[in-house]
Every structure is written in C-alpha cells, then in structure tokens.
C-alpha cells in the first residue's frame, strides 16, 4: 500500500520532483561529499586506476559481461574483489549507520568500473551512465541526481546521488554513487 501511495506522489509532477531534488542535493552536500573524501576510497581508486590503465573498450565490455553473469552465482571472481576490500567495508558501514536512508553505495574508477560496493550492482561498468558521465571529469562541485524509481533489489523507492571522488592534487579520480531511500527522506 505505501508503495502505491508513493507512486501517486511521484506522478504528481515537477513540483514534487523539485522537492526531492532539493532534499537529495542537501543530503549530498551535507553527507555524501564528505564520505567521498575518505582516504580508504581514494587509495582503492588510485590503485585500480593504475591497474586498469591499459584496458581497451573490448576488455571493459568483456569484464562487464562476466560481472553480469556472476551476480547471484556462487563463483564470482570479478564480483568478490569489489565486495571484499577495505573500501567496500567502509561503504557497508555507511549503509549500516544510515538508519535505512542509504540503500547502497559504490565507487568507480576513472573508466567507470566498480572499485568497491556495499552490495553487488547489476553491472560492472557504469562509464556509459549519467551517474558517471555527469560527475567524472566535471570538477569537484559536480553532482548528479537520478530520478526516484522503484528498485527491485531493495524493494523501495530510491534515488541515486553521484559525486566525483577527488584524489591527490585535487584531480577527479573516480566517482561515488549513493542510493537513497526516498521514503525515508520524506
């Protein structure tokens, strides 16, 4: 029942959408930007950027295909390293401490490939999606607010907020996406 009511609110139009955007933007500026500055995240992204420097688009496509095939399986040689590193532990801590507001968090390298995630994402390569293209390389103040949508994996309405991750010297080295439970924000 609450999902149906929330769907009606979402369908109310631009005024409601603007309200959600304002709340998610404030949450991003007050919390998410600070999380993206964690040294453990920066270290993992810098390491993966170096490791993936020579990948071709064909390599990335193959890794993405393998990831999608491994999600939900027992043997997950591409997925497990993203879920079992110190940065992933930090991201899970964010989710746990959020009181239900944060549904998922993941970080991407300079190619848009997952580096660490609180939970498996549906794909490995985010580089062709707005969460990456609207934040990576757009400067320190870049922010992408996704639409509020029903997420099957969390069984809740959520919006994704993405910010760049800055590295040594102030250069953008990757991006962070945080799923926010829209029902908890209002």
C-alpha atoms as a PDB file:
ATOM      1  CA  UNK A   1       0.000   0.000   0.000  1.00  0.00           C
ATOM      2  CA  UNK A   2       2.734   2.506   0.906  1.00  0.00           C
ATOM      3  CA  UNK A   3       4.391   1.872  -2.484  1.00  0.00           C
ATOM      4  CA  UNK A   4       1.182   2.717  -4.332  1.00  0.00           C
ATOM      5  CA  UNK A   5       0.786   5.952  -2.350  1.00  0.00           C
ATOM      6  CA  UNK A   6       4.396   6.872  -3.028  1.00  0.00           C
ATOM      7  CA  UNK A   7       3.927   6.187  -6.768  1.00  0.00           C
ATOM      8  CA  UNK A   8       0.988   8.613  -6.806  1.00  0.00           C
ATOM      9  CA  UNK A   9       3.130  11.272  -5.103  1.00  0.00           C
ATOM     10  CA  UNK A  10       5.894  10.742  -7.688  1.00  0.00           C
ATOM     11  CA  UNK A  11       3.381  11.101 -10.518  1.00  0.00           C
ATOM     12  CA  UNK A  12       2.256  14.472  -9.121  1.00  0.00           C
ATOM     13  CA  UNK A  13       4.684  16.228 -11.393  1.00  0.00           C
ATOM     14  CA  UNK A  14       7.594  18.659 -11.464  1.00  0.00           C
ATOM     15  CA  UNK A  15       6.818  20.373  -8.152  1.00  0.00           C
ATOM     16  CA  UNK A  16       7.270  17.088  -6.276  1.00  0.00           C
ATOM     17  CA  UNK A  17      10.317  16.214  -8.347  1.00  0.00           C
ATOM     18  CA  UNK A  18      11.877  19.567  -7.448  1.00  0.00           C
ATOM     19  CA  UNK A  19      11.232  18.861  -3.763  1.00  0.00           C
ATOM     20  CA  UNK A  20      13.027  15.506  -3.988  1.00  0.00           C
ATOM     21  CA  UNK A  21      15.901  17.043  -5.911  1.00  0.00           C
ATOM     22  CA  UNK A  22      16.322  19.743  -3.273  1.00  0.00           C
ATOM     23  CA  UNK A  23      16.354  17.231  -0.406  1.00  0.00           C
ATOM     24  CA  UNK A  24      18.757  14.871  -2.198  1.00  0.00           C
ATOM     25  CA  UNK A  25      21.046  17.778  -3.114  1.00  0.00           C
ATOM     26  CA  UNK A  26      21.169  18.917   0.504  1.00  0.00           C
ATOM     27  CA  UNK A  27      21.880  15.357   1.672  1.00  0.00           C
ATOM     28  CA  UNK A  28      24.668  15.097  -0.904  1.00  0.00           C
ATOM     29  CA  UNK A  29      26.304  18.347   0.180  1.00  0.00           C
ATOM     30  CA  UNK A  30      25.903  17.576   3.909  1.00  0.00           C
ATOM     31  CA  UNK A  31      26.971  13.904   3.905  1.00  0.00           C
ATOM     32  CA  UNK A  32      27.934  12.258   0.625  1.00  0.00           C
ATOM     33  CA  UNK A  33      30.662  14.713  -0.382  1.00  0.00           C
ATOM     34  CA  UNK A  34      32.404  14.083   2.952  1.00  0.00           C
ATOM     35  CA  UNK A  35      32.159  10.319   2.558  1.00  0.00           C
ATOM     36  CA  UNK A  36      33.816  10.603  -0.881  1.00  0.00           C
ATOM     37  CA  UNK A  37      36.878  12.161   0.777  1.00  0.00           C
ATOM     38  CA  UNK A  38      37.705   9.054   2.840  1.00  0.00           C
ATOM     39  CA  UNK A  39      41.362   8.062   2.336  1.00  0.00           C
ATOM     40  CA  UNK A  40      40.428   4.359   2.050  1.00  0.00           C
ATOM     41  CA  UNK A  41      38.272   5.133  -1.001  1.00  0.00           C
ATOM     42  CA  UNK A  42      40.911   7.321  -2.620  1.00  0.00           C
ATOM     43  CA  UNK A  43      43.603   4.655  -2.101  1.00  0.00           C
ATOM     44  CA  UNK A  44      41.482   1.915  -3.705  1.00  0.00           C
ATOM     45  CA  UNK A  45      40.560   4.098  -6.693  1.00  0.00           C
ATOM     46  CA  UNK A  46      44.147   5.227  -7.279  1.00  0.00           C
ATOM     47  CA  UNK A  47      45.309   1.589  -7.205  1.00  0.00           C
ATOM     48  CA  UNK A  48      42.614   0.432  -9.624  1.00  0.00           C
ATOM     49  CA  UNK A  49      43.212   3.380 -11.976  1.00  0.00           C
ATOM     50  CA  UNK A  50      46.835   2.235 -12.273  1.00  0.00           C
ATOM     51  CA  UNK A  51      45.827  -1.416 -12.676  1.00  0.00           C
ATOM     52  CA  UNK A  52      43.253  -0.649 -15.402  1.00  0.00           C
ATOM     53  CA  UNK A  53      45.243   1.971 -17.326  1.00  0.00           C
ATOM     54  CA  UNK A  54      45.785  -0.300 -20.325  1.00  0.00           C
ATOM     55  CA  UNK A  55      42.256  -1.693 -20.694  1.00  0.00           C
ATOM     56  CA  UNK A  56      40.558  -1.390 -24.054  1.00  0.00           C
ATOM     57  CA  UNK A  57      36.817  -0.900 -24.511  1.00  0.00           C
ATOM     58  CA  UNK A  58      36.634  -4.544 -25.591  1.00  0.00           C
ATOM     59  CA  UNK A  59      38.314  -5.557 -22.309  1.00  0.00           C
ATOM     60  CA  UNK A  60      35.818  -3.458 -20.356  1.00  0.00           C
ATOM     61  CA  UNK A  61      32.868  -4.933 -22.253  1.00  0.00           C
ATOM     62  CA  UNK A  62      34.115  -8.466 -21.534  1.00  0.00           C
ATOM     63  CA  UNK A  63      34.602  -7.711 -17.830  1.00  0.00           C
ATOM     64  CA  UNK A  64      31.102  -6.218 -17.684  1.00  0.00           C
ATOM     65  CA  UNK A  65      29.647  -9.306 -19.387  1.00  0.00           C
ATOM     66  CA  UNK A  66      31.419 -11.582 -16.913  1.00  0.00           C
ATOM     67  CA  UNK A  67      30.199  -9.491 -13.963  1.00  0.00           C
ATOM     68  CA  UNK A  68      26.575  -9.690 -15.088  1.00  0.00           C
ATOM     69  CA  UNK A  69      26.904 -13.472 -15.479  1.00  0.00           C
ATOM     70  CA  UNK A  70      28.440 -13.831 -11.998  1.00  0.00           C
ATOM     71  CA  UNK A  71      25.977 -11.720  -9.984  1.00  0.00           C
ATOM     72  CA  UNK A  72      23.866 -14.128  -7.948  1.00  0.00           C
ATOM     73  CA  UNK A  73      26.216 -17.066  -8.574  1.00  0.00           C
ATOM     74  CA  UNK A  74      28.426 -18.912  -6.084  1.00  0.00           C
ATOM     75  CA  UNK A  75      31.675 -18.472  -8.014  1.00  0.00           C
ATOM     76  CA  UNK A  76      32.252 -14.736  -8.570  1.00  0.00           C
ATOM     77  CA  UNK A  77      35.911 -13.973  -9.340  1.00  0.00           C
ATOM     78  CA  UNK A  78      35.159 -10.484 -10.729  1.00  0.00           C
ATOM     79  CA  UNK A  79      32.452  -9.532  -8.223  1.00  0.00           C
ATOM     80  CA  UNK A  80      34.109 -10.660  -4.971  1.00  0.00           C
ATOM     81  CA  UNK A  81      37.138  -8.317  -5.062  1.00  0.00           C
ATOM     82  CA  UNK A  82      34.743  -5.344  -5.368  1.00  0.00           C
ATOM     83  CA  UNK A  83      32.780  -6.523  -2.314  1.00  0.00           C
ATOM     84  CA  UNK A  84      35.688  -7.630  -0.151  1.00  0.00           C
ATOM     85  CA  UNK A  85      38.184  -4.794   0.112  1.00  0.00           C
ATOM     86  CA  UNK A  86      38.661  -2.134   2.820  1.00  0.00           C
ATOM     87  CA  UNK A  87      36.727   0.449   0.784  1.00  0.00           C
ATOM     88  CA  UNK A  88      33.737  -1.907   0.492  1.00  0.00           C
ATOM     89  CA  UNK A  89      33.825  -2.385   4.269  1.00  0.00           C
ATOM     90  CA  UNK A  90      33.697   1.391   4.687  1.00  0.00           C
ATOM     91  CA  UNK A  91      30.757   1.639   2.253  1.00  0.00           C
ATOM     92  CA  UNK A  92      28.814  -1.060   4.123  1.00  0.00           C
ATOM     93  CA  UNK A  93      29.434   0.885   7.342  1.00  0.00           C
ATOM     94  CA  UNK A  94      27.818   3.943   5.740  1.00  0.00           C
ATOM     95  CA  UNK A  95      24.749   1.878   4.831  1.00  0.00           C
ATOM     96  CA  UNK A  96      24.525   0.319   8.291  1.00  0.00           C
ATOM     97  CA  UNK A  97      24.878   3.645  10.130  1.00  0.00           C
ATOM     98  CA  UNK A  98      22.356   5.491   7.945  1.00  0.00           C
ATOM     99  CA  UNK A  99      19.284   4.116   9.691  1.00  0.00           C
ATOM    100  CA  UNK A 100      17.757   2.966   6.410  1.00  0.00           C
ATOM    101  CA  UNK A 101      18.274   6.180   4.434  1.00  0.00           C
ATOM    102  CA  UNK A 102      21.199   4.818   2.397  1.00  0.00           C
ATOM    103  CA  UNK A 103      20.332   1.666   0.444  1.00  0.00           C
ATOM    104  CA  UNK A 104      23.596   1.173  -1.458  1.00  0.00           C
ATOM    105  CA  UNK A 105      26.941   2.839  -2.119  1.00  0.00           C
ATOM    106  CA  UNK A 106      29.568   2.148  -4.744  1.00  0.00           C
ATOM    107  CA  UNK A 107      32.649   3.848  -6.126  1.00  0.00           C
ATOM    108  CA  UNK A 108      34.026   3.810  -9.650  1.00  0.00           C
ATOM    109  CA  UNK A 109      37.466   4.315 -11.144  1.00  0.00           C
ATOM    110  CA  UNK A 110      38.412   6.724 -13.935  1.00  0.00           C
ATOM    111  CA  UNK A 111      36.949   4.337 -16.521  1.00  0.00           C
ATOM    112  CA  UNK A 112      33.600   3.919 -14.730  1.00  0.00           C
ATOM    113  CA  UNK A 113      34.395   0.404 -13.464  1.00  0.00           C
ATOM    114  CA  UNK A 114      33.322  -0.577  -9.958  1.00  0.00           C
ATOM    115  CA  UNK A 115      36.100  -0.389  -7.382  1.00  0.00           C
ATOM    116  CA  UNK A 116      34.127  -1.116  -4.209  1.00  0.00           C
ATOM    117  CA  UNK A 117      30.454  -1.606  -3.405  1.00  0.00           C
ATOM    118  CA  UNK A 118      28.285  -2.185  -0.369  1.00  0.00           C
ATOM    119  CA  UNK A 119      26.331  -4.776  -2.412  1.00  0.00           C
ATOM    120  CA  UNK A 120      26.633  -6.133  -5.954  1.00  0.00           C
ATOM    121  CA  UNK A 121      25.467  -3.787  -8.688  1.00  0.00           C
ATOM    122  CA  UNK A 122      23.673  -5.147 -11.742  1.00  0.00           C
ATOM    123  CA  UNK A 123      26.659  -4.325 -13.953  1.00  0.00           C
ATOM    124  CA  UNK A 124      30.383  -3.676 -13.557  1.00  0.00           C
ATOM    125  CA  UNK A 125      30.794  -0.777 -15.975  1.00  0.00           C
ATOM    126  CA  UNK A 126      28.981   2.446 -15.092  1.00  0.00           C
ATOM    127  CA  UNK A 127      31.023   4.507 -17.564  1.00  0.00           C
ATOM    128  CA  UNK A 128      28.182   4.895 -20.053  1.00  0.00           C
ATOM    129  CA  UNK A 129      25.639   6.026 -17.432  1.00  0.00           C
ATOM    130  CA  UNK A 130      24.816   9.549 -16.227  1.00  0.00           C
ATOM    131  CA  UNK A 131      25.948   8.725 -12.683  1.00  0.00           C
ATOM    132  CA  UNK A 132      29.469   8.595 -14.118  1.00  0.00           C
ATOM    133  CA  UNK A 133      29.367  10.857 -17.171  1.00  0.00           C
ATOM    134  CA  UNK A 134      27.768  13.729 -15.227  1.00  0.00           C
ATOM    135  CA  UNK A 135      30.299  13.601 -12.371  1.00  0.00           C
ATOM    136  CA  UNK A 136      33.651  12.221 -13.533  1.00  0.00           C
ATOM    137  CA  UNK A 137      35.694  14.918 -15.207  1.00  0.00           C
ATOM    138  CA  UNK A 138      33.142  17.634 -14.433  1.00  0.00           C
ATOM    139  CA  UNK A 139      35.044  19.113 -11.490  1.00  0.00           C
ATOM    140  CA  UNK A 140      34.856  18.983  -7.719  1.00  0.00           C
ATOM    141  CA  UNK A 141      31.383  20.514  -7.483  1.00  0.00           C
ATOM    142  CA  UNK A 142      29.711  18.155  -9.979  1.00  0.00           C
ATOM    143  CA  UNK A 143      26.553  16.450  -8.766  1.00  0.00           C
ATOM    144  CA  UNK A 144      24.140  14.081 -10.477  1.00  0.00           C
ATOM    145  CA  UNK A 145      20.688  13.442  -9.031  1.00  0.00           C
ATOM    146  CA  UNK A 146      18.909  10.468 -10.593  1.00  0.00           C
ATOM    147  CA  UNK A 147      15.169  10.001 -10.828  1.00  0.00           C
ATOM    148  CA  UNK A 148      13.245   8.393  -7.991  1.00  0.00           C
ATOM    149  CA  UNK A 149      12.493   4.844  -9.137  1.00  0.00           C
ATOM    150  CA  UNK A 150      11.362   1.590  -7.621  1.00  0.00           C
ATOM    151  CA  UNK A 151      14.433  -0.579  -7.019  1.00  0.00           C
ATOM    152  CA  UNK A 152      13.710  -4.303  -7.170  1.00  0.00           C
ATOM    153  CA  UNK A 153      16.814  -5.281  -5.200  1.00  0.00           C
ATOM    154  CA  UNK A 154      15.942  -3.092  -2.199  1.00  0.00           C
ATOM    155  CA  UNK A 155      12.146  -3.229  -2.685  1.00  0.00           C
ATOM    156  CA  UNK A 156      11.956   0.513  -2.126  1.00  0.00           C
ATOM    157  CA  UNK A 157      11.737   3.762  -3.986  1.00  0.00           C
ATOM    158  CA  UNK A 158      15.173   5.256  -4.237  1.00  0.00           C
ATOM    159  CA  UNK A 159      17.076   7.971  -5.970  1.00  0.00           C
ATOM    160  CA  UNK A 160      20.757   7.813  -6.753  1.00  0.00           C
ATOM    161  CA  UNK A 161      23.060  10.708  -6.000  1.00  0.00           C
ATOM    162  CA  UNK A 162      26.530  10.752  -7.562  1.00  0.00           C
ATOM    163  CA  UNK A 163      29.568  12.918  -6.848  1.00  0.00           C
ATOM    164  CA  UNK A 164      33.159  12.938  -8.074  1.00  0.00           C
ATOM    165  CA  UNK A 165      35.929  11.495  -5.926  1.00  0.00           C
ATOM    166  CA  UNK A 166      38.927  13.793  -5.747  1.00  0.00           C
ATOM    167  CA  UNK A 167      42.458  12.478  -5.451  1.00  0.00           C
ATOM    168  CA  UNK A 168      45.834  13.875  -4.582  1.00  0.00           C
ATOM    169  CA  UNK A 169      46.343  17.328  -6.029  1.00  0.00           C
ATOM    170  CA  UNK A 170      42.601  17.915  -6.425  1.00  0.00           C
ATOM    171  CA  UNK A 171      42.133  15.915  -9.629  1.00  0.00           C
ATOM    172  CA  UNK A 172      38.960  13.896 -10.188  1.00  0.00           C
ATOM    173  CA  UNK A 173      39.978  10.228  -9.973  1.00  0.00           C
ATOM    174  CA  UNK A 174      36.597   8.489  -9.896  1.00  0.00           C
ATOM    175  CA  UNK A 175      33.007   8.812  -8.772  1.00  0.00           C
ATOM    176  CA  UNK A 176      30.722   7.707  -5.953  1.00  0.00           C
ATOM    177  CA  UNK A 177      27.042   6.789  -6.210  1.00  0.00           C
ATOM    178  CA  UNK A 178      24.752   6.571  -3.197  1.00  0.00           C
ATOM    179  CA  UNK A 179      21.249   5.108  -3.329  1.00  0.00           C
ATOM    180  CA  UNK A 180      18.853   6.984  -1.044  1.00  0.00           C
ATOM    181  CA  UNK A 181      15.595   5.517   0.202  1.00  0.00           C
ATOM    182  CA  UNK A 182      13.150   8.206  -0.909  1.00  0.00           C
ATOM    183  CA  UNK A 183      10.515   7.078   1.593  1.00  0.00           C
ATOM    184  CA  UNK A 184      12.955   7.658   4.462  1.00  0.00           C
ATOM    185  CA  UNK A 185      13.909  11.141   3.266  1.00  0.00           C
ATOM    186  CA  UNK A 186      10.339  12.453   3.491  1.00  0.00           C
END
